[in-house]
């Protein structure tokens, strides 16, 4: 039976003309449709660029394999991390106008590589190619960072003992129990629970009472397990009705719920009272608490030596004095407590004889309470005899030194640039501790 065909169906082999209304709509849509931009032409790398990229990738790969086979993957990782800054180091090398002769530089690079069995990045990092760099002729005694962290730091600062120094609350309590001044503690957190100064768990009403003595003051919130000034916040205690709040700025306030949320964001933290620094130190740069970094080195016979000391200062309105935040640092004569000109900026790779923001002279500044700073540092180092080297951060208050924190590991590049090399002293101390462990 044949199927019926409607009158409106087209005749097979023919095509209906478009309806005028549909045609107008289609044309209008075409007019409104945005023009499609032509696809950008693909840039094709030239053969020389491809060969250069392959060369550098191959060189990095085999250098990491060679380093790992000799000293382990941790050594290779740190060598690679330091190598990522080679462009910054080479920029300073190109800008230097007092370089040693090229033949001398190549010879010294080979000697450094042969002694430490490592790519000589530290030669450029410490600007040992510059004739004006202090102790540049002792280039073999400058200890590369990968060598320190993989061969000697595990002996001088065993990882299982670092937690007591690294945990800011434990460190604060130990300082207070031994009568060493540290920033007054308001509250702290552990495992998403907020505690008072002496360990009582705080509810929302208890938090108001704990902050009652700090109304109108500035408090510093610091994560317990971070370093380099990361995630530090400055909060003001203000009264809002019957409750007290912590305000970072007029638009940001922390109540009890906000502090609990901070535990999720930052982990464990401390809330300490801000330090009022000595006028001599504040005159150099008033916006940050400028701290003294002192490295101590303990020997098996109980002797404690000051390995290096420097002063860190903020810049450009920053409240943080760390180099990672753009700050500058200047080395200190350990015997006299005076600045050793000039100051150095890692961010700008530049030196300064005056503070670049305030214009305050740097050369010859004598720090107040220097003898007290050295004494309190050695006394504190005696409390951590299982951690044989510690980098101490100390503020200079109006009444004397205030110990902020200790660091169980430290960066040799920052401590050595512009100062005497520490390699021989560190190696001698590490070998002495190794011998003591063998005899036990």
Protein backbone atom coordinates (compact mmCIF):
# COMPACT_ATOMS: atom_id res chain seq x y z
CA UNK A 1 0.00 0.00 0.00
CA UNK A 2 1.43 3.36 -1.03
CA UNK A 3 1.93 5.97 1.65
CA UNK A 4 -0.09 9.14 1.37
CA UNK A 5 1.73 12.40 0.66
CA UNK A 6 0.65 15.72 2.19
CA UNK A 7 0.07 18.70 -0.02
CA UNK A 8 2.78 20.64 1.74
CA UNK A 9 5.48 18.01 1.14
CA UNK A 10 8.02 18.98 -1.51
CA UNK A 11 8.15 17.15 -4.76
CA UNK A 12 11.02 14.67 -4.73
CA UNK A 13 14.13 16.22 -6.27
CA UNK A 14 12.98 19.79 -5.61
CA UNK A 15 13.73 22.30 -2.77
CA UNK A 16 11.29 24.74 -1.20
CA UNK A 17 12.18 28.41 -1.35
CA UNK A 18 13.00 29.91 2.08
CA UNK A 19 10.30 31.90 3.77
CA UNK A 20 10.96 35.66 3.63
CA UNK A 21 10.62 35.95 7.42
CA UNK A 22 13.18 33.21 8.01
CA UNK A 23 15.57 34.83 5.57
CA UNK A 24 15.40 38.16 7.40
CA UNK A 25 16.04 36.53 10.76
CA UNK A 26 18.99 34.64 9.37
CA UNK A 27 20.51 37.78 7.88
CA UNK A 28 19.99 39.69 11.14
CA UNK A 29 21.75 36.94 13.06
CA UNK A 30 24.61 37.07 10.61
CA UNK A 31 24.90 40.83 11.13
CA UNK A 32 24.93 40.43 14.94
CA UNK A 33 27.44 37.57 14.94
CA UNK A 34 30.87 38.76 16.12
CA UNK A 35 33.68 38.60 13.69
CA UNK A 36 36.00 35.68 14.33
CA UNK A 37 39.58 36.81 14.68
CA UNK A 38 42.03 34.90 12.54
CA UNK A 39 44.13 32.37 14.40
CA UNK A 40 47.55 33.75 15.30
CA UNK A 41 50.38 32.44 13.30
CA UNK A 42 52.41 29.82 15.14
CA UNK A 43 56.00 30.72 15.85
CA UNK A 44 58.33 27.98 14.77
CA UNK A 45 61.54 27.66 16.77
CA UNK A 46 64.65 27.79 14.67
CA UNK A 47 66.98 24.77 14.73
CA UNK A 48 69.57 26.71 16.74
CA UNK A 49 67.01 27.53 19.47
CA UNK A 50 65.90 23.89 19.62
CA UNK A 51 69.49 22.68 19.91
CA UNK A 52 70.21 25.22 22.66
CA UNK A 53 67.17 24.13 24.70
CA UNK A 54 68.08 20.47 24.33
CA UNK A 55 71.65 21.22 25.40
CA UNK A 56 70.60 22.99 28.62
CA UNK A 57 68.01 20.32 29.48
CA UNK A 58 70.55 17.57 28.94
CA UNK A 59 73.18 19.39 30.98
CA UNK A 60 70.80 19.91 33.92
CA UNK A 61 69.63 16.29 33.75
CA UNK A 62 73.10 14.77 33.76
CA UNK A 63 74.40 17.18 36.41
CA UNK A 64 71.56 16.13 38.72
CA UNK A 65 72.21 12.44 37.99
CA UNK A 66 75.93 12.84 38.68
CA UNK A 67 75.34 14.76 41.89
CA UNK A 68 72.70 12.31 43.09
CA UNK A 69 74.91 9.30 42.43
CA UNK A 70 77.71 10.83 44.49
CA UNK A 71 75.86 12.41 47.43
CA UNK A 72 72.19 11.41 47.24
CA UNK A 73 69.03 12.97 45.88
CA UNK A 74 68.72 15.54 48.69
CA UNK A 75 72.10 16.96 47.65
CA UNK A 76 71.00 17.00 44.00
CA UNK A 77 67.73 18.73 44.86
CA UNK A 78 69.46 21.54 46.75
CA UNK A 79 72.03 21.94 43.98
CA UNK A 80 69.21 22.28 41.46
CA UNK A 81 67.35 24.80 43.65
CA UNK A 82 70.44 26.96 43.97
CA UNK A 83 71.09 26.65 40.24
CA UNK A 84 67.68 28.19 39.51
CA UNK A 85 69.08 31.52 40.76
CA UNK A 86 72.02 31.44 38.36
CA UNK A 87 70.50 34.20 36.21
CA UNK A 88 70.39 36.51 39.22
CA UNK A 89 74.01 35.66 40.07
CA UNK A 90 75.18 36.19 36.49
CA UNK A 91 73.44 39.56 36.33
CA UNK A 92 75.55 40.72 39.25
CA UNK A 93 78.62 39.23 37.57
CA UNK A 94 78.01 41.18 34.36
CA UNK A 95 77.38 44.43 36.23
CA UNK A 96 80.55 44.14 38.33
CA UNK A 97 83.32 46.52 37.24
CA UNK A 98 86.00 45.25 39.61
CA UNK A 99 86.14 41.61 38.51
CA UNK A 100 89.25 39.51 38.78
CA UNK A 101 90.96 38.53 35.50
CA UNK A 102 88.99 35.95 33.53
CA UNK A 103 91.77 33.38 33.76
CA UNK A 104 91.83 33.71 37.55
CA UNK A 105 88.05 33.32 37.75
CA UNK A 106 88.10 30.14 35.63
CA UNK A 107 90.91 28.68 37.71
CA UNK A 108 89.10 29.42 40.98
CA UNK A 109 85.85 27.94 39.65
CA UNK A 110 87.65 24.69 38.85
CA UNK A 111 89.26 24.58 42.30
CA UNK A 112 85.91 25.15 44.05
CA UNK A 113 84.24 22.42 41.97
CA UNK A 114 87.07 19.95 42.68
CA UNK A 115 87.11 20.62 46.43
CA UNK A 116 83.38 20.42 47.11
CA UNK A 117 82.46 18.06 44.22
CA UNK A 118 79.63 20.35 43.23
CA UNK A 119 78.76 22.98 40.63
CA UNK A 120 80.32 26.22 41.99
CA UNK A 121 77.16 28.35 42.24
CA UNK A 122 78.29 29.70 45.61
CA UNK A 123 81.26 31.38 43.89
CA UNK A 124 78.82 33.68 42.09
CA UNK A 125 76.38 33.86 44.99
CA UNK A 126 79.03 35.30 47.33
CA UNK A 127 80.50 37.51 44.57
CA UNK A 128 83.93 35.93 45.02
CA UNK A 129 84.84 37.10 41.51
CA UNK A 130 84.87 40.69 42.82
CA UNK A 131 88.23 41.97 44.06
CA UNK A 132 86.40 44.21 46.55
CA UNK A 133 84.53 41.34 48.23
CA UNK A 134 85.98 40.77 51.73
CA UNK A 135 88.05 37.57 51.95
CA UNK A 136 87.59 36.88 48.23
CA UNK A 137 91.06 35.26 48.20
CA UNK A 138 89.76 32.63 50.65
CA UNK A 139 87.21 31.39 48.12
CA UNK A 140 87.82 27.72 49.01
CA UNK A 141 86.63 28.27 52.59
CA UNK A 142 83.16 29.50 51.64
CA UNK A 143 80.80 26.59 52.26
CA UNK A 144 78.21 25.86 49.51
CA UNK A 145 74.64 25.53 50.74
CA UNK A 146 74.04 21.97 49.37
CA UNK A 147 77.23 20.80 51.09
CA UNK A 148 76.21 22.33 54.43
CA UNK A 149 72.68 20.92 54.41
CA UNK A 150 73.57 17.41 53.25
CA UNK A 151 76.96 16.69 54.87
CA UNK A 152 77.23 18.81 58.02
CA UNK A 153 73.81 20.15 59.09
CA UNK A 154 72.48 16.64 59.92
CA UNK A 155 75.36 16.38 62.43
CA UNK A 156 75.22 19.91 63.84
CA UNK A 157 71.42 20.12 63.92
CA UNK A 158 69.91 16.60 64.06
CA UNK A 159 66.40 16.63 62.66
CA UNK A 160 64.82 14.83 65.63
CA UNK A 161 65.87 17.67 67.98
CA UNK A 162 64.87 20.58 65.75
CA UNK A 163 61.22 20.59 66.80
CA UNK A 164 61.97 22.11 70.22
CA UNK A 165 63.65 25.11 68.57
CA UNK A 166 61.38 25.31 65.55
CA UNK A 167 58.08 25.22 67.46
CA UNK A 168 57.57 28.83 68.49
CA UNK A 169 55.38 28.05 71.54
CA UNK A 170 57.82 25.52 73.03
CA UNK A 171 60.65 27.94 72.38
CA UNK A 172 58.77 30.83 74.03
CA UNK A 173 57.97 28.79 77.13
CA UNK A 174 61.56 27.63 77.51
CA UNK A 175 62.83 31.21 77.28
CA UNK A 176 60.34 32.39 79.89
CA UNK A 177 61.13 29.54 82.31
CA UNK A 178 64.83 30.43 82.14
CA UNK A 179 64.34 34.16 82.65
CA UNK A 180 65.22 35.22 79.10
CA UNK A 181 63.13 38.11 77.77
CA UNK A 182 60.87 37.27 74.83
CA UNK A 183 57.76 38.97 73.37
CA UNK A 184 54.80 38.74 75.84
CA UNK A 185 52.38 36.03 74.75
CA UNK A 186 48.63 36.76 74.66
CA UNK A 187 47.02 33.58 73.23
CA UNK A 188 48.06 30.67 71.02
CA UNK A 189 46.53 27.78 69.13
CA UNK A 190 47.28 24.10 68.75
CA UNK A 191 45.36 21.52 66.74
CA UNK A 192 42.50 23.98 65.99
CA UNK A 193 42.04 24.81 69.69
CA UNK A 194 42.70 28.27 71.16
CA UNK A 195 44.57 28.46 74.47
CA UNK A 196 45.39 31.21 76.92
CA UNK A 197 48.91 32.20 77.87
CA UNK A 198 49.21 29.47 80.51
CA UNK A 199 47.43 26.68 78.63
CA UNK A 200 43.73 27.09 79.55
CA UNK A 201 41.31 26.36 76.69
CA UNK A 202 39.50 29.57 75.71
CA UNK A 203 35.83 29.88 74.82
CA UNK A 204 34.39 33.00 73.20
CA UNK A 205 33.78 34.71 76.55
CA UNK A 206 37.22 33.70 77.83
CA UNK A 207 38.82 35.19 74.71
CA UNK A 208 37.41 38.62 75.58
CA UNK A 209 38.91 38.40 79.06
CA UNK A 210 42.26 37.24 77.68
CA UNK A 211 42.45 40.27 75.39
CA UNK A 212 41.22 42.75 78.02
CA UNK A 213 44.75 43.77 79.00
CA UNK A 214 45.72 44.48 75.38
CA UNK A 215 43.02 46.98 74.34
CA UNK A 216 44.56 49.62 72.09
CA UNK A 217 47.75 47.61 71.58
CA UNK A 218 49.13 45.96 68.45
CA UNK A 219 49.53 42.18 68.51
CA UNK A 220 51.49 40.05 66.07
CA UNK A 221 49.98 36.80 64.75
CA UNK A 222 52.72 34.36 63.68
CA UNK A 223 52.33 30.82 62.32
CA UNK A 224 54.33 28.42 64.47
CA UNK A 225 55.83 26.35 61.67
CA UNK A 226 56.64 28.97 59.02
CA UNK A 227 59.76 31.10 58.58
CA UNK A 228 61.06 34.09 56.58
CA UNK A 229 58.25 36.30 57.90
CA UNK A 230 55.59 34.39 55.93
CA UNK A 231 51.89 34.96 56.77
CA UNK A 232 52.63 37.32 59.69
CA UNK A 233 49.72 39.66 60.49
CA UNK A 234 49.60 42.78 62.68
CA UNK A 235 46.32 43.09 64.57
CA UNK A 236 44.89 45.83 66.79
CA UNK A 237 42.67 44.99 69.78
CA UNK A 238 39.50 47.14 69.61
CA UNK A 239 36.27 47.09 71.59
CA UNK A 240 32.98 46.57 69.71
CA UNK A 241 30.13 46.80 72.20
CA UNK A 242 30.66 44.17 74.87
CA UNK A 243 33.12 42.16 72.80
CA UNK A 244 36.72 42.68 71.77
CA UNK A 245 37.90 42.15 68.22
CA UNK A 246 41.23 41.87 66.46
CA UNK A 247 41.40 44.14 63.42
CA UNK A 248 44.04 43.93 60.72
CA UNK A 249 42.55 47.01 59.03
CA UNK A 250 39.16 48.80 59.21
CA UNK A 251 37.62 46.24 56.86
CA UNK A 252 39.03 43.05 58.38
CA UNK A 253 38.18 41.87 61.91
CA UNK A 254 38.73 38.61 63.76
CA UNK A 255 36.34 37.43 66.42
CA UNK A 256 36.38 33.99 68.00
CA UNK A 257 35.06 32.35 64.82
CA UNK A 258 37.62 34.22 62.73
CA UNK A 259 40.49 32.99 64.88
CA UNK A 260 39.21 29.43 64.61
CA UNK A 261 39.12 29.82 60.82
CA UNK A 262 42.71 31.09 60.96
CA UNK A 263 43.70 27.72 62.43
CA UNK A 264 42.46 26.06 59.24
CA UNK A 265 44.27 28.59 57.06
CA UNK A 266 47.63 28.89 58.86
CA UNK A 267 47.78 25.93 61.21
CA UNK A 268 49.06 26.55 64.73
CA UNK A 269 49.92 30.16 65.58
CA UNK A 270 51.00 32.56 68.33
CA UNK A 271 49.56 35.97 69.15
CA UNK A 272 52.28 38.09 70.76
CA UNK A 273 52.55 41.67 71.89
CA UNK A 274 54.38 43.93 69.44
CA UNK A 275 57.87 45.08 70.42
CA UNK A 276 58.84 48.72 70.94
CA UNK A 277 62.42 48.87 69.69
CA UNK A 278 65.29 51.05 70.87
CA UNK A 279 65.40 54.60 69.40
CA UNK A 280 68.86 54.00 67.90
CA UNK A 281 67.51 51.06 65.89
CA UNK A 282 64.19 52.73 65.04
CA UNK A 283 66.02 55.75 63.61
CA UNK A 284 67.50 53.58 60.84
CA UNK A 285 64.10 52.29 59.67
CA UNK A 286 61.04 52.84 61.91
CA UNK A 287 58.35 50.77 60.15
CA UNK A 288 59.63 47.28 61.04
CA UNK A 289 61.19 45.71 64.11
CA UNK A 290 64.79 45.49 62.90
CA UNK A 291 66.32 42.31 64.28
CA UNK A 292 69.81 40.99 64.86
CA UNK A 293 70.51 37.55 63.38
CA UNK A 294 73.28 35.77 65.34
CA UNK A 295 74.53 32.27 64.55
CA UNK A 296 75.99 30.24 67.42
CA UNK A 297 78.13 27.13 67.09
CA UNK A 298 78.58 24.79 70.06
CA UNK A 299 81.53 22.42 70.49
CA UNK A 300 81.66 19.10 72.37
CA UNK A 301 83.76 20.64 75.16
CA UNK A 302 80.91 23.07 75.97
CA UNK A 303 82.43 26.10 74.24
CA UNK A 304 79.92 28.27 72.36
CA UNK A 305 81.20 30.54 69.60
CA UNK A 306 79.47 33.38 67.75
CA UNK A 307 79.87 32.36 64.13
CA UNK A 308 78.36 35.46 62.49
CA UNK A 309 76.05 38.39 63.18
CA UNK A 310 74.07 40.75 60.98
CA UNK A 311 71.32 43.36 61.28
CA UNK A 312 68.17 43.06 59.17
CA UNK A 313 66.13 46.13 58.25
CA UNK A 314 62.88 46.56 56.33
CA UNK A 315 62.27 48.64 53.23
CA UNK A 316 59.53 50.48 51.33
CA UNK A 317 57.11 50.71 54.24
CA UNK A 318 57.18 46.97 54.96
CA UNK A 319 56.68 45.82 58.55
CA UNK A 320 58.84 42.73 57.88
CA UNK A 321 62.64 42.92 57.87
CA UNK A 322 63.36 39.59 56.14
CA UNK A 323 65.31 39.53 52.89
CA UNK A 324 62.44 37.57 51.32
CA UNK A 325 60.20 40.61 52.00
CA UNK A 326 62.64 42.97 50.29
CA UNK A 327 64.68 43.93 53.36
CA UNK A 328 68.39 44.69 53.53
CA UNK A 329 71.05 43.43 55.92
CA UNK A 330 74.44 44.59 57.14
CA UNK A 331 77.09 42.51 58.91
CA UNK A 332 78.12 43.31 62.46
CA UNK A 333 81.57 43.21 64.01
CA UNK A 334 81.10 40.51 66.66
CA UNK A 335 83.69 42.07 68.98
CA UNK A 336 82.44 45.68 68.93
CA UNK A 337 78.79 45.51 67.80
CA UNK A 338 79.37 48.04 65.00
CA UNK A 339 78.03 47.80 61.45
CA UNK A 340 80.44 46.73 58.74
CA UNK A 341 79.74 48.90 55.70
CA UNK A 342 77.99 48.38 53.30
CA UNK A 343 74.48 46.90 53.56
CA UNK A 344 73.28 44.42 50.95
CA UNK A 345 69.90 43.87 49.26
CA UNK A 346 69.24 40.40 47.88
CA UNK A 347 66.17 41.67 46.01
CA UNK A 348 68.05 44.41 44.14
CA UNK A 349 71.46 42.68 44.22
CA UNK A 350 72.87 46.04 45.32
CA UNK A 351 74.88 47.52 48.19
CA UNK A 352 74.07 50.66 50.20
CA UNK A 353 76.13 52.91 52.45
CA UNK A 354 72.95 54.59 53.74
CA UNK A 355 69.46 53.18 54.17
CA UNK A 356 67.80 53.62 50.75
CA UNK A 357 64.50 54.86 52.26
CA UNK A 358 65.46 56.94 55.29
CA UNK A 359 68.96 58.02 54.25
CA UNK A 360 70.31 57.05 57.67
CA UNK A 361 74.07 56.31 57.55
CA UNK A 362 74.98 52.66 58.02
CA UNK A 363 78.75 52.67 58.40
CA UNK A 364 79.97 52.70 61.99
CA UNK A 365 76.57 52.50 63.74
CA UNK A 366 77.09 50.97 67.19
CA UNK A 367 74.23 48.84 68.48
CA UNK A 368 73.12 49.39 72.08
CA UNK A 369 73.29 46.51 74.60
CA UNK A 370 75.71 44.55 72.40
CA UNK A 371 77.45 42.79 75.31
CA UNK A 372 74.04 41.80 76.69
CA UNK A 373 72.99 40.49 73.26
CA UNK A 374 76.06 38.24 73.02
CA UNK A 375 75.59 37.02 76.59
CA UNK A 376 71.89 36.16 76.21
CA UNK A 377 72.58 34.39 72.90
CA UNK A 378 75.24 32.15 74.41
CA UNK A 379 73.03 31.50 77.41
CA UNK A 380 70.16 30.47 75.16
CA UNK A 381 72.43 28.22 73.09
CA UNK A 382 73.35 26.39 76.28
CA UNK A 383 69.70 25.34 76.66
CA UNK A 384 69.75 23.45 73.34
CA UNK A 385 72.96 21.44 73.49
CA UNK A 386 71.43 18.73 71.27
CA UNK A 387 71.12 21.35 68.52
CA UNK A 388 74.70 22.48 68.07
CA UNK A 389 74.07 25.44 65.76
CA UNK A 390 71.18 27.92 65.97
CA UNK A 391 70.42 31.18 64.19
CA UNK A 392 68.91 33.58 66.74
CA UNK A 393 66.58 36.47 65.90
CA UNK A 394 66.90 39.16 68.57
CA UNK A 395 65.17 42.53 68.81
CA UNK A 396 66.70 45.40 70.75
CA UNK A 397 64.07 46.83 73.06
CA UNK A 398 64.22 49.99 75.10
CA UNK A 399 65.44 48.03 78.14
CA UNK A 400 67.62 45.41 76.47
CA UNK A 401 67.64 42.43 74.08
CA UNK A 402 64.43 40.47 73.41
CA UNK A 403 64.79 36.96 71.96
CA UNK A 404 62.14 36.49 69.27
CA UNK A 405 62.92 33.00 68.00
CA UNK A 406 65.61 30.49 67.12
CA UNK A 407 66.17 28.71 63.82
CA UNK A 408 67.76 25.24 63.83
CA UNK A 409 68.93 25.69 60.23
CA UNK A 410 70.26 28.77 58.48
CA UNK A 411 71.44 29.97 55.09
CA UNK A 412 75.23 30.17 54.70
CA UNK A 413 75.08 32.52 51.70
CA UNK A 414 73.38 35.31 53.66
CA UNK A 415 75.66 34.90 56.67
CA UNK A 416 78.91 34.75 54.69
CA UNK A 417 78.50 37.47 52.09
CA UNK A 418 80.50 40.47 53.27
CA UNK A 419 81.90 38.54 56.24
CA UNK A 420 84.65 36.01 56.87
CA UNK A 421 84.18 32.46 55.49
CA UNK A 422 82.83 29.87 57.93
CA UNK A 423 83.54 26.61 56.10
CA UNK A 424 86.60 25.52 58.10
CA UNK A 425 84.96 26.29 61.46
CA UNK A 426 81.76 24.43 60.57
CA UNK A 427 83.62 21.38 59.27
CA UNK A 428 85.85 21.25 62.36
CA UNK A 429 82.84 21.40 64.70
CA UNK A 430 80.92 18.76 62.74
CA UNK A 431 83.90 16.38 62.74
CA UNK A 432 84.35 16.91 66.49
CA UNK A 433 80.71 15.95 67.13
CA UNK A 434 81.07 12.91 64.85
CA UNK A 435 84.08 11.73 66.87
CA UNK A 436 82.19 12.19 70.13
CA UNK A 437 79.26 10.12 68.84
CA UNK A 438 81.64 7.33 67.76
CA UNK A 439 83.25 7.21 71.21
CA UNK A 440 79.90 6.90 73.00
